[in-house]
Amino acid sequence: MQTDDGVHSIRKQSYLFQVQPMAGLNYSLVHQESYREKDTGNTGFAQKVNAETFQQIEADLGVSLSSDWILGG
């Protein structure tokens, strides 16, 4: 569709849609070794840090809905 001032509008080409299922699985692992700080000034504030391990699992599910559009006239 075109108006008198030359501006074009968006027109739907058809009513057909594409539906696509989506699925995903993500696994993350972070490990930090233990360590001990050096107390070079004999202040007594040096820390001993224990080892840590973090794990995470994420599952994603969804649907993608798409269609074609024509711009202009």
PDB file of N, CA and C in Angstrom:
ATOM      1  N   MET A   1       0.856  -1.176   0.000  1.00  0.00           N
ATOM      2  CA  MET A   1       0.000   0.000   0.000  1.00  0.00           C
ATOM      3  C   MET A   1       0.896   1.231   0.000  1.00  0.00           C
ATOM      4  N   GLN A   2       0.522   2.231  -0.810  1.00  0.00           N
ATOM      5  CA  GLN A   2       1.283   3.477  -0.859  1.00  0.00           C
ATOM      6  C   GLN A   2       0.316   4.630  -0.649  1.00  0.00           C
ATOM      7  N   THR A   3       0.709   5.563   0.205  1.00  0.00           N
ATOM      8  CA  THR A   3      -0.123   6.740   0.468  1.00  0.00           C
ATOM      9  C   THR A   3       0.274   7.855  -0.482  1.00  0.00           C
ATOM     10  N   ASP A   4      -0.478   8.961  -0.474  1.00  0.00           N
ATOM     11  CA  ASP A   4      -0.221  10.079  -1.381  1.00  0.00           C
ATOM     12  C   ASP A   4       1.136  10.736  -1.150  1.00  0.00           C
ATOM     13  N   ASP A   5       1.658  10.672   0.078  1.00  0.00           N
ATOM     14  CA  ASP A   5       2.944  11.322   0.351  1.00  0.00           C
ATOM     15  C   ASP A   5       4.139  10.401   0.064  1.00  0.00           C
ATOM     16  N   GLY A   6       3.908   9.234  -0.522  1.00  0.00           N
ATOM     17  CA  GLY A   6       4.985   8.335  -0.920  1.00  0.00           C
ATOM     18  C   GLY A   6       5.478   7.407   0.167  1.00  0.00           C
ATOM     19  N   VAL A   7       4.838   7.379   1.327  1.00  0.00           N
ATOM     20  CA  VAL A   7       5.263   6.508   2.420  1.00  0.00           C
ATOM     21  C   VAL A   7       4.704   5.110   2.180  1.00  0.00           C
ATOM     22  N   HIS A   8       5.572   4.113   2.256  1.00  0.00           N
ATOM     23  CA  HIS A   8       5.153   2.726   2.057  1.00  0.00           C
ATOM     24  C   HIS A   8       4.833   2.086   3.406  1.00  0.00           C
ATOM     25  N   SER A   9       3.866   1.221   3.414  1.00  0.00           N
ATOM     26  CA  SER A   9       3.522   0.513   4.645  1.00  0.00           C
ATOM     27  C   SER A   9       3.973  -0.943   4.536  1.00  0.00           C
ATOM     28  N   ILE A  10       3.930  -1.642   5.659  1.00  0.00           N
ATOM     29  CA  ILE A  10       4.302  -3.054   5.698  1.00  0.00           C
ATOM     30  C   ILE A  10       3.060  -3.879   5.365  1.00  0.00           C
ATOM     31  N   ARG A  11       3.224  -4.849   4.445  1.00  0.00           N
ATOM     32  CA  ARG A  11       2.100  -5.678   4.039  1.00  0.00           C
ATOM     33  C   ARG A  11       2.478  -7.139   4.274  1.00  0.00           C
ATOM     34  N   LYS A  12       1.569  -7.898   4.823  1.00  0.00           N
ATOM     35  CA  LYS A  12       1.796  -9.314   5.082  1.00  0.00           C
ATOM     36  C   LYS A  12       1.692 -10.077   3.771  1.00  0.00           C
ATOM     37  N   GLN A  13       2.687 -10.919   3.438  1.00  0.00           N
ATOM     38  CA  GLN A  13       2.696 -11.669   2.190  1.00  0.00           C
ATOM     39  C   GLN A  13       1.722 -12.840   2.239  1.00  0.00           C
ATOM     40  N   SER A  14       1.747 -13.606   3.292  1.00  0.00           N
ATOM     41  CA  SER A  14       0.862 -14.760   3.420  1.00  0.00           C
ATOM     42  C   SER A  14       0.614 -15.015   4.893  1.00  0.00           C
ATOM     43  N   TYR A  15      -0.257 -15.955   5.163  1.00  0.00           N
ATOM     44  CA  TYR A  15      -0.568 -16.294   6.549  1.00  0.00           C
ATOM     45  C   TYR A  15       0.128 -17.573   6.984  1.00  0.00           C
ATOM     46  N   LEU A  16       1.142 -17.986   6.245  1.00  0.00           N
ATOM     47  CA  LEU A  16       1.885 -19.190   6.596  1.00  0.00           C
ATOM     48  C   LEU A  16       2.996 -18.840   7.580  1.00  0.00           C
ATOM     49  N   PHE A  17       3.085 -19.623   8.628  1.00  0.00           N
ATOM     50  CA  PHE A  17       4.109 -19.422   9.647  1.00  0.00           C
ATOM     51  C   PHE A  17       4.979 -20.660   9.737  1.00  0.00           C
ATOM     52  N   GLN A  18       6.203 -20.466  10.133  1.00  0.00           N
ATOM     53  CA  GLN A  18       7.103 -21.581  10.410  1.00  0.00           C
ATOM     54  C   GLN A  18       7.244 -21.707  11.922  1.00  0.00           C
ATOM     55  N   VAL A  19       7.038 -22.912  12.424  1.00  0.00           N
ATOM     56  CA  VAL A  19       7.177 -23.183  13.855  1.00  0.00           C
ATOM     57  C   VAL A  19       8.333 -24.166  14.020  1.00  0.00           C
ATOM     58  N   GLN A  20       9.331 -23.765  14.808  1.00  0.00           N
ATOM     59  CA  GLN A  20      10.495 -24.611  15.024  1.00  0.00           C
ATOM     60  C   GLN A  20      10.722 -24.803  16.519  1.00  0.00           C
ATOM     61  N   PRO A  21      10.805 -26.049  16.970  1.00  0.00           N
ATOM     62  CA  PRO A  21      11.141 -26.277  18.381  1.00  0.00           C
ATOM     63  C   PRO A  21      12.626 -26.012  18.611  1.00  0.00           C
ATOM     64  N   MET A  22      12.957 -25.540  19.800  1.00  0.00           N
ATOM     65  CA  MET A  22      14.347 -25.278  20.170  1.00  0.00           C
ATOM     66  C   MET A  22      14.623 -25.944  21.512  1.00  0.00           C
ATOM     67  N   ALA A  23      15.795 -26.531  21.635  1.00  0.00           N
ATOM     68  CA  ALA A  23      16.202 -27.142  22.897  1.00  0.00           C
ATOM     69  C   ALA A  23      17.706 -26.960  23.058  1.00  0.00           C
ATOM     70  N   GLY A  24      18.129 -26.793  24.291  1.00  0.00           N
ATOM     71  CA  GLY A  24      19.551 -26.632  24.552  1.00  0.00           C
ATOM     72  C   GLY A  24      19.914 -27.158  25.928  1.00  0.00           C
ATOM     73  N   LEU A  25      21.168 -27.562  26.067  1.00  0.00           N
ATOM     74  CA  LEU A  25      21.681 -28.048  27.342  1.00  0.00           C
ATOM     75  C   LEU A  25      23.092 -27.492  27.503  1.00  0.00           C
ATOM     76  N   ASN A  26      23.334 -26.785  28.598  1.00  0.00           N
ATOM     77  CA  ASN A  26      24.639 -26.172  28.868  1.00  0.00           C
ATOM     78  C   ASN A  26      25.188 -26.696  30.192  1.00  0.00           C
ATOM     79  N   TYR A  27      26.478 -26.994  30.206  1.00  0.00           N
ATOM     80  CA  TYR A  27      27.152 -27.451  31.417  1.00  0.00           C
ATOM     81  C   TYR A  27      28.378 -26.571  31.644  1.00  0.00           C
ATOM     82  N   SER A  28      28.544 -26.075  32.863  1.00  0.00           N
ATOM     83  CA  SER A  28      29.694 -25.241  33.213  1.00  0.00           C
ATOM     84  C   SER A  28      30.392 -25.825  34.432  1.00  0.00           C
ATOM     85  N   LEU A  29      31.721 -25.766  34.419  1.00  0.00           N
ATOM     86  CA  LEU A  29      32.530 -26.238  35.538  1.00  0.00           C
ATOM     87  C   LEU A  29      33.646 -25.227  35.772  1.00  0.00           C
ATOM     88  N   VAL A  30      33.753 -24.732  37.009  1.00  0.00           N
ATOM     89  CA  VAL A  30      34.823 -23.809  37.391  1.00  0.00           C
ATOM     90  C   VAL A  30      35.515 -24.397  38.617  1.00  0.00           C
ATOM     91  N   HIS A  31      36.833 -24.532  38.538  1.00  0.00           N
ATOM     92  CA  HIS A  31      37.596 -25.070  39.672  1.00  0.00           C
ATOM     93  C   HIS A  31      38.736 -24.109  39.998  1.00  0.00           C
ATOM     94  N   GLN A  32      38.877 -23.800  41.288  1.00  0.00           N
ATOM     95  CA  GLN A  32      39.977 -22.956  41.759  1.00  0.00           C
ATOM     96  C   GLN A  32      40.788 -23.768  42.760  1.00  0.00           C
ATOM     97  N   GLU A  33      42.074 -23.861  42.519  1.00  0.00           N
ATOM     98  CA  GLU A  33      42.967 -24.597  43.421  1.00  0.00           C
ATOM     99  C   GLU A  33      43.128 -23.841  44.742  1.00  0.00           C
ATOM    100  N   SER A  34      43.515 -24.561  45.774  1.00  0.00           N
ATOM    101  CA  SER A  34      43.784 -23.914  47.064  1.00  0.00           C
ATOM    102  C   SER A  34      45.131 -23.190  46.999  1.00  0.00           C
ATOM    103  N   TYR A  35      45.282 -22.184  47.856  1.00  0.00           N
ATOM    104  CA  TYR A  35      46.554 -21.459  47.927  1.00  0.00           C
ATOM    105  C   TYR A  35      46.699 -20.821  49.303  1.00  0.00           C
ATOM    106  N   ARG A  36      47.932 -20.456  49.622  1.00  0.00           N
ATOM    107  CA  ARG A  36      48.230 -19.786  50.885  1.00  0.00           C
ATOM    108  C   ARG A  36      49.028 -18.528  50.569  1.00  0.00           C
ATOM    109  N   GLU A  37      48.602 -17.399  51.128  1.00  0.00           N
ATOM    110  CA  GLU A  37      49.319 -16.142  50.916  1.00  0.00           C
ATOM    111  C   GLU A  37      50.605 -16.134  51.737  1.00  0.00           C
ATOM    112  N   LYS A  38      51.611 -15.441  51.223  1.00  0.00           N
ATOM    113  CA  LYS A  38      52.862 -15.290  51.965  1.00  0.00           C
ATOM    114  C   LYS A  38      52.738 -14.095  52.904  1.00  0.00           C
ATOM    115  N   ASP A  39      53.197 -14.281  54.115  1.00  0.00           N
ATOM    116  CA  ASP A  39      53.176 -13.205  55.118  1.00  0.00           C
ATOM    117  C   ASP A  39      54.592 -12.653  55.246  1.00  0.00           C
ATOM    118  N   THR A  40      54.980 -11.834  54.268  1.00  0.00           N
ATOM    119  CA  THR A  40      56.365 -11.342  54.235  1.00  0.00           C
ATOM    120  C   THR A  40      56.673 -10.366  55.364  1.00  0.00           C
ATOM    121  N   GLY A  41      55.659  -9.669  55.875  1.00  0.00           N
ATOM    122  CA  GLY A  41      55.903  -8.705  56.948  1.00  0.00           C
ATOM    123  C   GLY A  41      55.592  -9.257  58.326  1.00  0.00           C
ATOM    124  N   ASN A  42      55.334 -10.565  58.444  1.00  0.00           N
ATOM    125  CA  ASN A  42      54.980 -11.201  59.718  1.00  0.00           C
ATOM    126  C   ASN A  42      53.836 -10.471  60.420  1.00  0.00           C
ATOM    127  N   THR A  43      52.795 -10.125  59.645  1.00  0.00           N
ATOM    128  CA  THR A  43      51.641  -9.427  60.223  1.00  0.00           C
ATOM    129  C   THR A  43      50.602 -10.390  60.771  1.00  0.00           C
ATOM    130  N   GLY A  44      50.640 -11.640  60.345  1.00  0.00           N
ATOM    131  CA  GLY A  44      49.656 -12.614  60.801  1.00  0.00           C
ATOM    132  C   GLY A  44      48.351 -12.566  60.015  1.00  0.00           C
ATOM    133  N   PHE A  45      48.312 -11.774  58.945  1.00  0.00           N
ATOM    134  CA  PHE A  45      47.079 -11.639  58.164  1.00  0.00           C
ATOM    135  C   PHE A  45      47.084 -12.451  56.867  1.00  0.00           C
ATOM    136  N   ALA A  46      48.053 -13.304  56.658  1.00  0.00           N
ATOM    137  CA  ALA A  46      48.078 -14.134  55.453  1.00  0.00           C
ATOM    138  C   ALA A  46      46.919 -15.128  55.504  1.00  0.00           C
ATOM    139  N   GLN A  47      46.294 -15.346  54.367  1.00  0.00           N
ATOM    140  CA  GLN A  47      45.126 -16.230  54.304  1.00  0.00           C
ATOM    141  C   GLN A  47      45.481 -17.567  53.674  1.00  0.00           C
ATOM    142  N   LYS A  48      44.771 -18.594  54.121  1.00  0.00           N
ATOM    143  CA  LYS A  48      44.814 -19.897  53.462  1.00  0.00           C
ATOM    144  C   LYS A  48      43.442 -20.082  52.826  1.00  0.00           C
ATOM    145  N   VAL A  49      43.416 -20.238  51.503  1.00  0.00           N
ATOM    146  CA  VAL A  49      42.157 -20.362  50.767  1.00  0.00           C
ATOM    147  C   VAL A  49      42.014 -21.799  50.297  1.00  0.00           C
ATOM    148  N   ASN A  50      40.898 -22.424  50.634  1.00  0.00           N
ATOM    149  CA  ASN A  50      40.632 -23.805  50.238  1.00  0.00           C
ATOM    150  C   ASN A  50      40.216 -23.880  48.770  1.00  0.00           C
ATOM    151  N   ALA A  51      40.396 -25.043  48.173  1.00  0.00           N
ATOM    152  CA  ALA A  51      39.976 -25.270  46.786  1.00  0.00           C
ATOM    153  C   ALA A  51      38.449 -25.237  46.711  1.00  0.00           C
ATOM    154  N   GLU A  52      37.943 -24.753  45.574  1.00  0.00           N
ATOM    155  CA  GLU A  52      36.496 -24.685  45.357  1.00  0.00           C
ATOM    156  C   GLU A  52      36.176 -25.173  43.950  1.00  0.00           C
ATOM    157  N   THR A  53      35.037 -25.837  43.826  1.00  0.00           N
ATOM    158  CA  THR A  53      34.540 -26.282  42.526  1.00  0.00           C
ATOM    159  C   THR A  53      33.069 -25.915  42.423  1.00  0.00           C
ATOM    160  N   PHE A  54      32.708 -25.289  41.306  1.00  0.00           N
ATOM    161  CA  PHE A  54      31.316 -24.919  41.044  1.00  0.00           C
ATOM    162  C   PHE A  54      30.877 -25.590  39.747  1.00  0.00           C
ATOM    163  N   GLN A  55      29.683 -26.169  39.762  1.00  0.00           N
ATOM    164  CA  GLN A  55      29.120 -26.803  38.580  1.00  0.00           C
ATOM    165  C   GLN A  55      27.707 -26.282  38.355  1.00  0.00           C
ATOM    166  N   GLN A  56      27.321 -26.173  37.087  1.00  0.00           N
ATOM    167  CA  GLN A  56      25.979 -25.694  36.760  1.00  0.00           C
ATOM    168  C   GLN A  56      25.501 -26.399  35.493  1.00  0.00           C
ATOM    169  N   ILE A  57      24.244 -26.830  35.507  1.00  0.00           N
ATOM    170  CA  ILE A  57      23.598 -27.407  34.330  1.00  0.00           C
ATOM    171  C   ILE A  57      22.354 -26.587  34.041  1.00  0.00           C
ATOM    172  N   GLU A  58      22.204 -26.155  32.788  1.00  0.00           N
ATOM    173  CA  GLU A  58      21.031 -25.387  32.370  1.00  0.00           C
ATOM    174  C   GLU A  58      20.366 -26.101  31.198  1.00  0.00           C
ATOM    175  N   ALA A  59      19.047 -26.219  31.254  1.00  0.00           N
ATOM    176  CA  ALA A  59      18.268 -26.778  30.149  1.00  0.00           C
ATOM    177  C   ALA A  59      17.333 -25.694  29.628  1.00  0.00           C
ATOM    178  N   ASP A  60      17.292 -25.537  28.313  1.00  0.00           N
ATOM    179  CA  ASP A  60      16.446 -24.534  27.672  1.00  0.00           C
ATOM    180  C   ASP A  60      15.498 -25.220  26.699  1.00  0.00           C
ATOM    181  N   LEU A  61      14.232 -24.818  26.735  1.00  0.00           N
ATOM    182  CA  LEU A  61      13.233 -25.296  25.787  1.00  0.00           C
ATOM    183  C   LEU A  61      12.457 -24.103  25.264  1.00  0.00           C
ATOM    184  N   GLY A  62      12.058 -24.143  23.998  1.00  0.00           N
ATOM    185  CA  GLY A  62      11.284 -23.039  23.452  1.00  0.00           C
ATOM    186  C   GLY A  62      10.771 -23.346  22.064  1.00  0.00           C
ATOM    187  N   VAL A  63      10.066 -22.374  21.506  1.00  0.00           N
ATOM    188  CA  VAL A  63       9.505 -22.487  20.166  1.00  0.00           C
ATOM    189  C   VAL A  63       9.793 -21.189  19.426  1.00  0.00           C
ATOM    190  N   SER A  64      10.237 -21.306  18.184  1.00  0.00           N
ATOM    191  CA  SER A  64      10.459 -20.155  17.324  1.00  0.00           C
ATOM    192  C   SER A  64       9.328 -20.093  16.305  1.00  0.00           C
ATOM    193  N   LEU A  65       8.679 -18.932  16.212  1.00  0.00           N
ATOM    194  CA  LEU A  65       7.580 -18.714  15.274  1.00  0.00           C
ATOM    195  C   LEU A  65       8.016 -17.621  14.308  1.00  0.00           C
ATOM    196  N   SER A  66       8.032 -17.916  12.994  1.00  0.00           N
ATOM    197  CA  SER A  66       8.508 -16.933  12.022  1.00  0.00           C
ATOM    198  C   SER A  66       7.647 -16.947  10.767  1.00  0.00           C
ATOM    199  N   SER A  67       7.746 -15.847  10.006  1.00  0.00           N
ATOM    200  CA  SER A  67       7.007 -15.705   8.758  1.00  0.00           C
ATOM    201  C   SER A  67       7.726 -14.687   7.882  1.00  0.00           C
ATOM    202  N   ASP A  68       7.420 -14.661   6.593  1.00  0.00           N
ATOM    203  CA  ASP A  68       8.009 -13.708   5.656  1.00  0.00           C
ATOM    204  C   ASP A  68       7.133 -12.468   5.533  1.00  0.00           C
ATOM    205  N   TRP A  69       7.781 -11.314   5.382  1.00  0.00           N
ATOM    206  CA  TRP A  69       7.073 -10.041   5.222  1.00  0.00           C
ATOM    207  C   TRP A  69       7.600  -9.332   3.980  1.00  0.00           C
ATOM    208  N   ILE A  70       6.751  -8.560   3.325  1.00  0.00           N
ATOM    209  CA  ILE A  70       7.157  -7.731   2.192  1.00  0.00           C
ATOM    210  C   ILE A  70       7.088  -6.280   2.629  1.00  0.00           C
ATOM    211  N   LEU A  71       8.177  -5.549   2.393  1.00  0.00           N
ATOM    212  CA  LEU A  71       8.197  -4.121   2.685  1.00  0.00           C
ATOM    213  C   LEU A  71       7.973  -3.362   1.386  1.00  0.00           C
ATOM    214  N   GLY A  72       7.101  -2.389   1.423  1.00  0.00           N
ATOM    215  CA  GLY A  72       6.847  -1.581   0.234  1.00  0.00           C
ATOM    216  C   GLY A  72       5.621  -2.047  -0.530  1.00  0.00           C
ATOM    217  N   GLY A  73       5.450  -1.580  -1.723  1.00  0.00           N
ATOM    218  CA  GLY A  73       4.253  -1.903  -2.474  1.00  0.00           C
ATOM    219  C   GLY A  73       4.593  -2.306  -3.829  1.00  0.00           C
TER     220      GLY A  73
END
